[in-house]
């Protein structure tokens, strides 16, 4: 069972909130405008997809079911009250591992403004402080410069290359894994990120 879900996480103009079915029009329009920006990083299935593609409502229901089960947290990224992207905490595991992975995308028109690092910091602090997890990781294609800058700004540790880690656009692609454990950020990642932004 998910702890503290549904939940909203806020820092300044950046808000993480549950993705909702009523986001359909804004989400579809945003993805459509950003197709060339995002498609080359999108995971795909190595198996042929049979039958109709799921509707946005079915997509949100599936993510919400995972949130209720405690295995994922599907957030919309909102900036100045507008939907600008999505962040999902996935692969939430307890027991002796107590770990999760964070994936995200953001519209090109707001990239580089500190929105994504803030969203990742909010989600990481929630994982550590509310869910009681010990480790959070982010897996990034080596060619994805904007995403690499996110983890660099936040001080995630580079743990090396995972060869042929994820299926993307018809082939198995290498990823670099970046991680933090709760001991790395005793002050909280949002606070550390805010201090760093003041120095930039």
N, C-alpha and C. Protein backbone atom coordinates (compact mmCIF):
# COMPACT_ATOMS: atom_id res chain seq x y z
N UNK A 1 0.85 -1.20 0.00
CA UNK A 1 0.00 0.00 0.00
C UNK A 1 0.88 1.25 0.00
N UNK A 2 0.56 2.20 -0.86
CA UNK A 2 1.36 3.41 -0.97
C UNK A 2 1.20 4.27 0.27
N UNK A 3 2.30 4.83 0.74
CA UNK A 3 2.27 5.74 1.87
C UNK A 3 2.07 7.15 1.34
N UNK A 4 1.06 7.85 1.87
CA UNK A 4 0.86 9.24 1.49
C UNK A 4 0.42 9.46 0.05
N UNK A 5 -0.36 8.54 -0.52
CA UNK A 5 -0.86 8.73 -1.89
C UNK A 5 -2.37 8.76 -1.87
N UNK A 6 -3.02 9.69 -2.58
CA UNK A 6 -2.40 10.72 -3.45
C UNK A 6 -1.74 11.82 -2.63
N UNK A 7 -0.73 12.42 -3.24
CA UNK A 7 0.03 13.46 -2.56
C UNK A 7 0.41 14.53 -3.57
N UNK A 8 0.57 15.76 -3.10
CA UNK A 8 1.10 16.85 -3.90
C UNK A 8 2.37 17.35 -3.23
N UNK A 9 3.40 17.58 -4.03
CA UNK A 9 4.69 18.06 -3.54
C UNK A 9 4.98 19.38 -4.23
N UNK A 10 5.36 20.40 -3.46
CA UNK A 10 5.49 21.75 -4.02
C UNK A 10 6.79 22.40 -3.58
N UNK A 11 7.44 23.08 -4.52
CA UNK A 11 8.55 23.97 -4.21
C UNK A 11 8.46 25.15 -5.17
N UNK A 12 8.11 26.32 -4.66
CA UNK A 12 7.95 27.50 -5.50
C UNK A 12 6.86 27.28 -6.54
N UNK A 13 7.21 27.52 -7.81
CA UNK A 13 6.25 27.38 -8.90
C UNK A 13 6.14 25.95 -9.43
N UNK A 14 6.93 25.03 -8.87
CA UNK A 14 6.93 23.64 -9.34
C UNK A 14 6.05 22.80 -8.42
N UNK A 15 5.12 22.08 -9.02
CA UNK A 15 4.22 21.22 -8.25
C UNK A 15 4.18 19.84 -8.89
N UNK A 16 4.32 18.81 -8.07
CA UNK A 16 4.07 17.44 -8.49
C UNK A 16 2.73 17.04 -7.92
N UNK A 17 1.86 16.57 -8.79
CA UNK A 17 0.53 16.14 -8.35
C UNK A 17 0.16 14.88 -9.12
N UNK A 18 -0.83 14.13 -8.64
CA UNK A 18 -1.21 12.93 -9.39
C UNK A 18 -1.65 13.25 -10.81
N UNK A 19 -1.23 12.42 -11.75
CA UNK A 19 -1.71 12.52 -13.12
C UNK A 19 -3.18 12.10 -13.13
N UNK A 20 -4.03 12.86 -13.81
CA UNK A 20 -5.48 12.62 -13.78
C UNK A 20 -6.03 12.46 -15.19
N UNK A 21 -7.17 11.79 -15.28
CA UNK A 21 -7.79 11.59 -16.59
C UNK A 21 -8.14 12.92 -17.25
N UNK A 22 -8.48 13.92 -16.47
CA UNK A 22 -8.83 15.21 -17.07
C UNK A 22 -7.62 15.95 -17.64
N UNK A 23 -6.42 15.41 -17.44
CA UNK A 23 -5.22 15.98 -18.06
C UNK A 23 -5.09 15.57 -19.52
N UNK A 24 -6.00 14.75 -20.01
CA UNK A 24 -5.85 14.13 -21.34
C UNK A 24 -5.53 15.15 -22.43
N UNK A 25 -6.34 16.18 -22.57
CA UNK A 25 -6.15 17.13 -23.68
C UNK A 25 -4.81 17.85 -23.57
N UNK A 26 -4.49 18.33 -22.37
CA UNK A 26 -3.23 19.06 -22.18
C UNK A 26 -2.04 18.13 -22.37
N UNK A 27 -2.14 16.90 -21.85
CA UNK A 27 -1.04 15.95 -21.95
C UNK A 27 -0.80 15.56 -23.41
N UNK A 28 -1.88 15.26 -24.14
CA UNK A 28 -1.74 14.87 -25.55
C UNK A 28 -1.19 16.02 -26.39
N UNK A 29 -1.64 17.23 -26.12
CA UNK A 29 -1.14 18.40 -26.86
C UNK A 29 0.34 18.61 -26.58
N UNK A 30 0.73 18.47 -25.32
CA UNK A 30 2.13 18.67 -24.93
C UNK A 30 3.02 17.62 -25.58
N UNK A 31 2.59 16.36 -25.54
CA UNK A 31 3.37 15.29 -26.17
C UNK A 31 3.46 15.50 -27.68
N UNK A 32 2.36 15.94 -28.28
CA UNK A 32 2.37 16.19 -29.72
C UNK A 32 3.34 17.27 -30.12
N UNK A 33 3.39 18.36 -29.35
CA UNK A 33 4.31 19.47 -29.65
C UNK A 33 5.77 19.08 -29.42
N UNK A 34 5.99 18.07 -28.58
CA UNK A 34 7.34 17.68 -28.21
C UNK A 34 7.76 16.34 -28.78
N UNK A 35 7.08 15.89 -29.84
CA UNK A 35 7.35 14.56 -30.38
C UNK A 35 8.83 14.38 -30.75
N UNK A 36 9.39 15.32 -31.50
CA UNK A 36 10.79 15.18 -31.92
C UNK A 36 11.75 15.29 -30.74
N UNK A 37 11.38 16.04 -29.72
CA UNK A 37 12.20 16.26 -28.53
C UNK A 37 12.25 15.02 -27.64
N UNK A 38 11.13 14.25 -27.61
CA UNK A 38 11.00 13.16 -26.65
C UNK A 38 11.08 11.75 -27.24
N UNK A 39 10.67 11.59 -28.49
CA UNK A 39 10.48 10.25 -29.04
C UNK A 39 11.75 9.40 -29.00
N UNK A 40 12.90 10.01 -29.22
CA UNK A 40 14.14 9.21 -29.28
C UNK A 40 14.54 8.64 -27.93
N UNK A 41 13.90 9.11 -26.83
CA UNK A 41 14.21 8.60 -25.49
C UNK A 41 13.11 7.68 -24.95
N UNK A 42 11.99 7.58 -25.65
CA UNK A 42 10.84 6.83 -25.14
C UNK A 42 11.06 5.33 -25.21
N UNK A 43 10.78 4.63 -24.11
CA UNK A 43 10.87 3.17 -24.08
C UNK A 43 9.81 2.57 -25.00
N UNK A 44 10.14 1.46 -25.61
CA UNK A 44 9.22 0.74 -26.50
C UNK A 44 9.20 -0.72 -26.10
N UNK A 45 8.23 -1.45 -26.65
CA UNK A 45 8.13 -2.88 -26.34
C UNK A 45 8.88 -3.69 -27.39
N UNK A 46 9.69 -4.66 -26.96
CA UNK A 46 10.38 -5.52 -27.94
C UNK A 46 9.42 -6.51 -28.60
N UNK A 47 8.23 -6.66 -28.03
CA UNK A 47 7.21 -7.55 -28.60
C UNK A 47 6.23 -6.73 -29.43
N UNK A 48 5.73 -7.26 -30.54
CA UNK A 48 4.73 -6.51 -31.31
C UNK A 48 3.49 -6.23 -30.45
N UNK A 49 3.02 -4.99 -30.50
CA UNK A 49 1.84 -4.60 -29.73
C UNK A 49 0.60 -4.96 -30.52
N UNK A 50 -0.23 -5.82 -29.95
CA UNK A 50 -1.45 -6.26 -30.63
C UNK A 50 -2.65 -5.53 -30.05
N UNK A 51 -3.63 -5.31 -30.91
CA UNK A 51 -4.86 -4.65 -30.46
C UNK A 51 -4.70 -3.14 -30.39
N UNK A 52 -5.78 -2.47 -30.01
CA UNK A 52 -5.74 -0.99 -29.97
C UNK A 52 -4.84 -0.48 -28.85
N UNK A 53 -4.24 0.67 -29.09
CA UNK A 53 -3.43 1.30 -28.06
C UNK A 53 -4.33 1.72 -26.90
N UNK A 54 -3.84 1.67 -25.67
CA UNK A 54 -4.69 2.09 -24.54
C UNK A 54 -5.04 3.57 -24.66
N UNK A 55 -6.22 3.92 -24.20
CA UNK A 55 -6.62 5.32 -24.16
C UNK A 55 -5.86 6.02 -23.03
N UNK A 56 -5.91 7.34 -23.02
CA UNK A 56 -5.25 8.07 -21.94
C UNK A 56 -5.89 7.70 -20.60
N UNK A 57 -7.21 7.54 -20.59
CA UNK A 57 -7.89 7.15 -19.35
C UNK A 57 -7.40 5.80 -18.85
N UNK A 58 -7.22 4.84 -19.75
CA UNK A 58 -6.70 3.52 -19.36
C UNK A 58 -5.27 3.62 -18.85
N UNK A 59 -4.48 4.47 -19.50
CA UNK A 59 -3.10 4.71 -19.09
C UNK A 59 -3.05 5.25 -17.65
N UNK A 60 -3.88 6.24 -17.35
CA UNK A 60 -3.91 6.84 -16.01
C UNK A 60 -4.44 5.83 -14.99
N UNK A 61 -5.47 5.06 -15.36
CA UNK A 61 -6.01 4.06 -14.43
C UNK A 61 -4.95 3.02 -14.08
N UNK A 62 -4.16 2.59 -15.06
CA UNK A 62 -3.12 1.61 -14.80
C UNK A 62 -2.06 2.18 -13.86
N UNK A 63 -1.65 3.43 -14.10
CA UNK A 63 -0.67 4.06 -13.21
C UNK A 63 -1.23 4.27 -11.81
N UNK A 64 -2.50 4.66 -11.72
CA UNK A 64 -3.13 4.88 -10.42
C UNK A 64 -3.24 3.58 -9.64
N UNK A 65 -3.49 2.48 -10.34
CA UNK A 65 -3.54 1.17 -9.68
C UNK A 65 -2.18 0.83 -9.10
N UNK A 66 -1.10 1.13 -9.85
CA UNK A 66 0.24 0.88 -9.33
C UNK A 66 0.52 1.74 -8.10
N UNK A 67 0.02 2.98 -8.10
CA UNK A 67 0.21 3.85 -6.94
C UNK A 67 -0.52 3.29 -5.72
N UNK A 68 -1.74 2.81 -5.92
CA UNK A 68 -2.49 2.23 -4.80
C UNK A 68 -1.81 0.98 -4.26
N UNK A 69 -1.16 0.22 -5.15
CA UNK A 69 -0.43 -0.98 -4.73
C UNK A 69 0.90 -0.64 -4.06
N UNK A 70 1.37 0.59 -4.26
CA UNK A 70 2.64 1.01 -3.68
C UNK A 70 3.85 0.73 -4.53
N UNK A 71 3.66 0.40 -5.81
CA UNK A 71 4.80 0.08 -6.66
C UNK A 71 5.24 1.25 -7.54
N UNK A 72 4.45 2.31 -7.64
CA UNK A 72 4.80 3.46 -8.48
C UNK A 72 4.05 4.70 -8.00
N UNK A 73 4.59 5.87 -8.32
CA UNK A 73 3.92 7.14 -8.04
C UNK A 73 3.92 7.96 -9.33
N UNK A 74 2.78 8.07 -10.00
CA UNK A 74 2.72 8.79 -11.28
C UNK A 74 2.34 10.27 -11.09
N UNK A 75 3.30 11.14 -11.26
CA UNK A 75 3.08 12.57 -11.05
C UNK A 75 3.01 13.33 -12.37
N UNK A 76 2.13 14.31 -12.41
CA UNK A 76 2.20 15.36 -13.42
C UNK A 76 3.14 16.43 -12.89
N UNK A 77 3.99 17.00 -13.76
CA UNK A 77 4.82 18.13 -13.39
C UNK A 77 4.09 19.39 -13.82
N UNK A 78 3.81 20.24 -12.85
CA UNK A 78 3.09 21.48 -13.12
C UNK A 78 4.01 22.65 -12.79
N UNK A 79 4.03 23.65 -13.65
CA UNK A 79 4.83 24.85 -13.43
C UNK A 79 3.97 26.06 -13.71
N UNK A 80 3.88 26.94 -12.72
CA UNK A 80 3.02 28.12 -12.83
C UNK A 80 1.62 27.71 -13.28
N UNK A 81 1.11 26.63 -12.68
CA UNK A 81 -0.25 26.11 -12.89
C UNK A 81 -0.48 25.50 -14.27
N UNK A 82 0.57 25.26 -15.05
CA UNK A 82 0.42 24.62 -16.36
C UNK A 82 1.12 23.26 -16.35
N UNK A 83 0.52 22.28 -17.00
CA UNK A 83 1.15 20.97 -17.15
C UNK A 83 2.33 21.10 -18.10
N UNK A 84 3.53 20.69 -17.64
CA UNK A 84 4.72 20.81 -18.49
C UNK A 84 5.47 19.49 -18.63
N UNK A 85 5.03 18.43 -17.95
CA UNK A 85 5.73 17.17 -18.07
C UNK A 85 5.19 16.11 -17.13
N UNK A 86 5.96 15.07 -16.97
CA UNK A 86 5.54 13.94 -16.14
C UNK A 86 6.76 13.36 -15.44
N UNK A 87 6.58 12.94 -14.21
CA UNK A 87 7.62 12.25 -13.45
C UNK A 87 6.98 11.03 -12.80
N UNK A 88 7.62 9.88 -12.95
CA UNK A 88 7.11 8.65 -12.34
C UNK A 88 8.19 8.01 -11.49
N UNK A 89 7.84 7.77 -10.23
CA UNK A 89 8.66 6.95 -9.36
C UNK A 89 8.20 5.51 -9.58
N UNK A 90 9.09 4.64 -10.02
CA UNK A 90 8.69 3.27 -10.34
C UNK A 90 9.62 2.27 -9.65
N UNK A 91 9.29 1.01 -9.81
CA UNK A 91 10.10 -0.09 -9.24
C UNK A 91 10.32 0.10 -7.74
N UNK A 92 9.31 0.59 -7.03
CA UNK A 92 9.43 0.79 -5.58
C UNK A 92 9.51 -0.57 -4.90
N UNK A 93 10.59 -0.77 -4.16
CA UNK A 93 10.80 -2.04 -3.47
C UNK A 93 11.18 -1.78 -2.02
N UNK A 94 10.68 -2.64 -1.14
CA UNK A 94 10.98 -2.50 0.28
C UNK A 94 11.90 -3.64 0.69
N UNK A 95 11.72 -4.21 1.85
CA UNK A 95 12.59 -5.28 2.29
C UNK A 95 14.01 -4.80 2.49
N UNK A 96 14.97 -5.62 2.12
CA UNK A 96 16.38 -5.28 2.34
C UNK A 96 16.93 -4.30 1.32
N UNK A 97 16.19 -4.03 0.23
CA UNK A 97 16.66 -3.12 -0.82
C UNK A 97 16.19 -1.69 -0.59
N UNK A 98 14.89 -1.50 -0.39
CA UNK A 98 14.27 -0.19 -0.15
C UNK A 98 14.75 0.83 -1.19
N UNK A 99 14.35 0.60 -2.44
CA UNK A 99 14.87 1.37 -3.57
C UNK A 99 13.74 1.73 -4.53
N UNK A 100 14.00 2.72 -5.37
CA UNK A 100 13.07 3.10 -6.44
C UNK A 100 13.85 3.75 -7.56
N UNK A 101 13.22 3.84 -8.73
CA UNK A 101 13.80 4.53 -9.88
C UNK A 101 12.89 5.70 -10.26
N UNK A 102 13.50 6.78 -10.74
CA UNK A 102 12.75 7.95 -11.17
C UNK A 102 12.97 8.15 -12.66
N UNK A 103 11.88 8.31 -13.39
CA UNK A 103 11.92 8.66 -14.80
C UNK A 103 11.10 9.92 -15.02
N UNK A 104 11.44 10.70 -16.03
CA UNK A 104 10.76 11.97 -16.21
C UNK A 104 10.89 12.44 -17.66
N UNK A 105 9.98 13.32 -18.04
CA UNK A 105 10.12 14.08 -19.28
C UNK A 105 9.51 15.45 -19.05
N UNK A 106 10.01 16.44 -19.78
CA UNK A 106 9.50 17.79 -19.64
C UNK A 106 9.47 18.43 -21.03
N UNK A 107 8.56 19.35 -21.23
CA UNK A 107 8.43 20.04 -22.51
C UNK A 107 9.70 20.84 -22.82
N UNK A 108 10.06 20.85 -24.08
CA UNK A 108 11.28 21.55 -24.49
C UNK A 108 11.22 23.04 -24.17
N UNK A 109 10.00 23.62 -24.19
CA UNK A 109 9.92 25.08 -24.00
C UNK A 109 10.24 25.51 -22.57
N UNK A 110 10.30 24.57 -21.62
CA UNK A 110 10.67 24.93 -20.24
C UNK A 110 11.97 24.25 -19.80
N UNK A 111 12.61 23.52 -20.70
CA UNK A 111 13.87 22.84 -20.35
C UNK A 111 14.94 23.85 -19.99
N UNK A 112 15.78 23.51 -19.04
CA UNK A 112 16.88 24.37 -18.64
C UNK A 112 16.52 25.45 -17.65
N UNK A 113 15.29 25.44 -17.14
CA UNK A 113 14.85 26.48 -16.20
C UNK A 113 14.83 25.99 -14.75
N UNK A 114 15.38 24.81 -14.50
CA UNK A 114 15.43 24.29 -13.13
C UNK A 114 14.19 23.55 -12.70
N UNK A 115 13.22 23.37 -13.61
CA UNK A 115 11.97 22.71 -13.26
C UNK A 115 12.19 21.22 -13.02
N UNK A 116 12.89 20.56 -13.93
CA UNK A 116 13.10 19.11 -13.79
C UNK A 116 13.96 18.79 -12.56
N UNK A 117 15.10 19.46 -12.33
CA UNK A 117 15.83 19.16 -11.09
C UNK A 117 14.99 19.36 -9.83
N UNK A 118 14.18 20.39 -9.82
CA UNK A 118 13.31 20.62 -8.66
C UNK A 118 12.32 19.48 -8.49
N UNK A 119 11.73 19.02 -9.60
CA UNK A 119 10.77 17.92 -9.54
C UNK A 119 11.44 16.64 -9.05
N UNK A 120 12.64 16.34 -9.56
CA UNK A 120 13.36 15.14 -9.14
C UNK A 120 13.74 15.24 -7.66
N UNK A 121 14.16 16.43 -7.22
CA UNK A 121 14.51 16.62 -5.81
C UNK A 121 13.29 16.42 -4.91
N UNK A 122 12.14 16.96 -5.31
CA UNK A 122 10.92 16.77 -4.53
C UNK A 122 10.56 15.29 -4.40
N UNK A 123 10.61 14.57 -5.52
CA UNK A 123 10.26 13.16 -5.51
C UNK A 123 11.26 12.35 -4.69
N UNK A 124 12.55 12.68 -4.80
CA UNK A 124 13.57 11.96 -4.04
C UNK A 124 13.38 12.15 -2.54
N UNK A 125 13.15 13.39 -2.12
CA UNK A 125 12.91 13.64 -0.69
C UNK A 125 11.67 12.89 -0.20
N UNK A 126 10.63 12.81 -1.04
CA UNK A 126 9.43 12.07 -0.66
C UNK A 126 9.76 10.59 -0.49
N UNK A 127 10.56 10.06 -1.40
CA UNK A 127 10.95 8.64 -1.29
C UNK A 127 11.72 8.38 -0.01
N UNK A 128 12.64 9.26 0.33
CA UNK A 128 13.46 9.06 1.52
C UNK A 128 12.67 9.33 2.81
N UNK A 129 11.96 10.46 2.86
CA UNK A 129 11.39 10.93 4.11
C UNK A 129 10.01 10.38 4.41
N UNK A 130 9.24 10.05 3.38
CA UNK A 130 7.87 9.55 3.59
C UNK A 130 7.79 8.05 3.33
N UNK A 131 8.34 7.59 2.22
CA UNK A 131 8.28 6.16 1.92
C UNK A 131 9.32 5.36 2.70
N UNK A 132 10.33 6.04 3.23
CA UNK A 132 11.35 5.34 4.00
C UNK A 132 12.30 4.52 3.14
N UNK A 133 12.49 4.94 1.87
CA UNK A 133 13.41 4.22 1.00
C UNK A 133 14.85 4.63 1.31
N UNK A 134 15.79 3.81 0.86
CA UNK A 134 17.20 4.05 1.12
C UNK A 134 17.94 4.54 -0.11
N UNK A 135 17.45 4.17 -1.31
CA UNK A 135 18.19 4.46 -2.54
C UNK A 135 17.23 4.87 -3.65
N UNK A 136 17.62 5.88 -4.42
CA UNK A 136 16.87 6.31 -5.60
C UNK A 136 17.83 6.36 -6.77
N UNK A 137 17.41 5.80 -7.90
CA UNK A 137 18.28 5.83 -9.08
C UNK A 137 17.56 6.44 -10.27
N UNK A 138 18.35 6.96 -11.21
CA UNK A 138 17.87 7.50 -12.48
C UNK A 138 18.74 6.87 -13.56
N UNK A 139 18.11 6.32 -14.59
CA UNK A 139 18.83 5.67 -15.69
C UNK A 139 18.66 6.50 -16.96
N UNK A 140 19.80 6.87 -17.58
CA UNK A 140 19.80 7.86 -18.66
C UNK A 140 20.64 7.37 -19.82
N UNK A 141 20.14 7.58 -21.04
CA UNK A 141 20.94 7.30 -22.23
C UNK A 141 22.19 8.18 -22.22
N UNK A 142 23.36 7.64 -22.57
CA UNK A 142 24.58 8.45 -22.56
C UNK A 142 24.52 9.66 -23.49
N UNK A 143 23.66 9.61 -24.51
CA UNK A 143 23.55 10.71 -25.47
C UNK A 143 22.57 11.80 -25.02
N UNK A 144 21.85 11.58 -23.92
CA UNK A 144 20.79 12.49 -23.51
C UNK A 144 21.36 13.61 -22.64
N UNK A 145 21.96 14.60 -23.29
CA UNK A 145 22.61 15.69 -22.58
C UNK A 145 21.74 16.43 -21.59
N UNK A 146 20.51 16.85 -21.98
CA UNK A 146 19.66 17.57 -21.02
C UNK A 146 19.37 16.78 -19.75
N UNK A 147 19.12 15.48 -19.90
CA UNK A 147 18.84 14.67 -18.72
C UNK A 147 20.08 14.44 -17.88
N UNK A 148 21.22 14.29 -18.53
CA UNK A 148 22.47 14.16 -17.78
C UNK A 148 22.75 15.41 -16.94
N UNK A 149 22.37 16.57 -17.46
CA UNK A 149 22.58 17.81 -16.69
C UNK A 149 21.70 17.85 -15.45
N UNK A 150 20.53 17.22 -15.50
CA UNK A 150 19.65 17.19 -14.33
C UNK A 150 20.34 16.49 -13.16
N UNK A 151 20.85 15.28 -13.40
CA UNK A 151 21.47 14.53 -12.30
C UNK A 151 22.79 15.17 -11.87
N UNK A 152 23.48 15.81 -12.82
CA UNK A 152 24.71 16.51 -12.47
C UNK A 152 24.41 17.66 -11.50
N UNK A 153 23.38 18.44 -11.81
CA UNK A 153 23.00 19.56 -10.95
C UNK A 153 22.63 19.09 -9.55
N UNK A 154 22.03 17.91 -9.46
CA UNK A 154 21.55 17.40 -8.17
C UNK A 154 22.60 16.58 -7.43
N UNK A 155 23.72 16.30 -8.07
CA UNK A 155 24.78 15.57 -7.39
C UNK A 155 24.57 14.08 -7.28
N UNK A 156 23.79 13.50 -8.21
CA UNK A 156 23.65 12.05 -8.23
C UNK A 156 24.99 11.42 -8.60
N UNK A 157 25.29 10.30 -8.00
CA UNK A 157 26.54 9.57 -8.23
C UNK A 157 26.43 8.72 -9.49
N UNK A 158 27.43 8.81 -10.36
CA UNK A 158 27.47 8.00 -11.58
C UNK A 158 27.94 6.60 -11.21
N UNK A 159 27.08 5.61 -11.38
CA UNK A 159 27.41 4.24 -11.00
C UNK A 159 27.79 3.37 -12.20
N UNK A 160 27.91 3.99 -13.36
CA UNK A 160 28.42 3.24 -14.50
C UNK A 160 27.39 2.89 -15.54
N UNK A 161 27.86 2.15 -16.55
CA UNK A 161 27.06 1.83 -17.73
C UNK A 161 26.32 0.50 -17.55
N UNK A 162 25.06 0.51 -17.93
CA UNK A 162 24.28 -0.73 -18.03
C UNK A 162 24.08 -1.00 -19.52
N UNK A 163 24.73 -2.03 -20.02
CA UNK A 163 24.68 -2.30 -21.45
C UNK A 163 23.34 -2.92 -21.84
N UNK A 164 22.81 -2.42 -22.98
CA UNK A 164 21.55 -2.92 -23.53
C UNK A 164 20.48 -3.02 -22.43
N UNK A 165 20.31 -1.92 -21.71
CA UNK A 165 19.48 -1.91 -20.51
C UNK A 165 17.98 -1.81 -20.82
N UNK A 166 17.62 -0.99 -21.81
CA UNK A 166 16.19 -0.70 -22.05
C UNK A 166 15.93 -0.67 -23.56
N UNK A 167 14.75 -1.16 -23.93
CA UNK A 167 14.36 -1.19 -25.34
C UNK A 167 13.77 0.16 -25.72
N UNK A 168 14.42 0.83 -26.70
CA UNK A 168 13.99 2.16 -27.12
C UNK A 168 14.03 2.23 -28.63
N UNK A 169 12.87 2.60 -29.21
CA UNK A 169 12.78 2.80 -30.66
C UNK A 169 13.37 1.62 -31.45
N UNK A 170 12.99 0.41 -31.03
CA UNK A 170 13.33 -0.78 -31.81
C UNK A 170 14.65 -1.45 -31.52
N UNK A 171 15.39 -0.97 -30.50
CA UNK A 171 16.66 -1.64 -30.20
C UNK A 171 16.96 -1.50 -28.71
N UNK A 172 17.82 -2.40 -28.23
CA UNK A 172 18.24 -2.38 -26.84
C UNK A 172 19.35 -1.34 -26.68
N UNK A 173 19.15 -0.41 -25.76
CA UNK A 173 20.06 0.74 -25.64
C UNK A 173 20.77 0.76 -24.28
N UNK A 174 22.04 1.16 -24.33
CA UNK A 174 22.81 1.34 -23.10
C UNK A 174 22.28 2.54 -22.32
N UNK A 175 22.42 2.45 -21.00
CA UNK A 175 22.07 3.55 -20.11
C UNK A 175 23.16 3.69 -19.05
N UNK A 176 23.32 4.91 -18.56
CA UNK A 176 24.14 5.13 -17.38
C UNK A 176 23.23 5.24 -16.17
N UNK A 177 23.66 4.64 -15.07
CA UNK A 177 22.88 4.66 -13.84
C UNK A 177 23.47 5.68 -12.87
N UNK A 178 22.60 6.54 -12.34
CA UNK A 178 22.98 7.54 -11.35
C UNK A 178 22.12 7.28 -10.11
N UNK A 179 22.70 7.45 -8.93
CA UNK A 179 21.96 7.12 -7.72
C UNK A 179 22.35 8.01 -6.56
N UNK A 180 21.44 8.09 -5.59
CA UNK A 180 21.68 8.69 -4.29
C UNK A 180 21.13 7.75 -3.23
N UNK A 181 21.79 7.69 -2.09
CA UNK A 181 21.21 7.04 -0.93
C UNK A 181 20.89 8.13 0.09
N UNK A 182 20.07 7.77 1.05
CA UNK A 182 19.61 8.77 2.02
C UNK A 182 20.77 9.39 2.78
N UNK A 183 21.87 8.63 2.97
CA UNK A 183 23.04 9.18 3.66
C UNK A 183 23.73 10.29 2.86
N UNK A 184 23.52 10.31 1.54
CA UNK A 184 24.17 11.31 0.69
C UNK A 184 23.58 12.70 0.87
N UNK A 185 22.33 12.78 1.33
CA UNK A 185 21.65 14.08 1.41
C UNK A 185 20.94 14.21 2.76
N UNK A 186 21.70 14.28 3.85
CA UNK A 186 21.05 14.39 5.16
C UNK A 186 20.22 15.65 5.31
N UNK A 187 20.59 16.70 4.56
CA UNK A 187 19.85 17.96 4.63
C UNK A 187 18.60 17.94 3.76
N UNK A 188 18.46 16.94 2.91
CA UNK A 188 17.36 16.88 1.95
C UNK A 188 17.83 17.38 0.60
N UNK A 189 17.37 16.74 -0.47
CA UNK A 189 17.84 17.11 -1.80
C UNK A 189 17.27 18.45 -2.25
N UNK A 190 16.03 18.76 -1.88
CA UNK A 190 15.46 20.06 -2.26
C UNK A 190 16.29 21.19 -1.66
N UNK A 191 16.63 21.05 -0.37
CA UNK A 191 17.42 22.11 0.28
C UNK A 191 18.78 22.24 -0.38
N UNK A 192 19.44 21.11 -0.69
CA UNK A 192 20.75 21.18 -1.33
C UNK A 192 20.65 21.82 -2.70
N UNK A 193 19.62 21.48 -3.47
CA UNK A 193 19.42 22.05 -4.79
C UNK A 193 19.13 23.55 -4.69
N UNK A 194 18.34 23.97 -3.73
CA UNK A 194 18.06 25.40 -3.58
C UNK A 194 19.33 26.18 -3.28
N UNK A 195 20.18 25.62 -2.42
CA UNK A 195 21.44 26.29 -2.11
C UNK A 195 22.33 26.39 -3.34
N UNK A 196 22.37 25.33 -4.13
CA UNK A 196 23.20 25.34 -5.34
C UNK A 196 22.67 26.36 -6.34
N UNK A 197 21.36 26.43 -6.49
CA UNK A 197 20.78 27.41 -7.45
C UNK A 197 21.15 28.82 -7.09
N UNK A 198 21.22 29.12 -5.80
CA UNK A 198 21.57 30.47 -5.38
C UNK A 198 23.00 30.83 -5.77
N UNK A 199 23.86 29.79 -5.91
CA UNK A 199 25.26 30.04 -6.28
C UNK A 199 25.46 30.11 -7.79
N UNK A 200 24.48 29.60 -8.56
CA UNK A 200 24.65 29.58 -10.02
C UNK A 200 24.44 30.96 -10.63
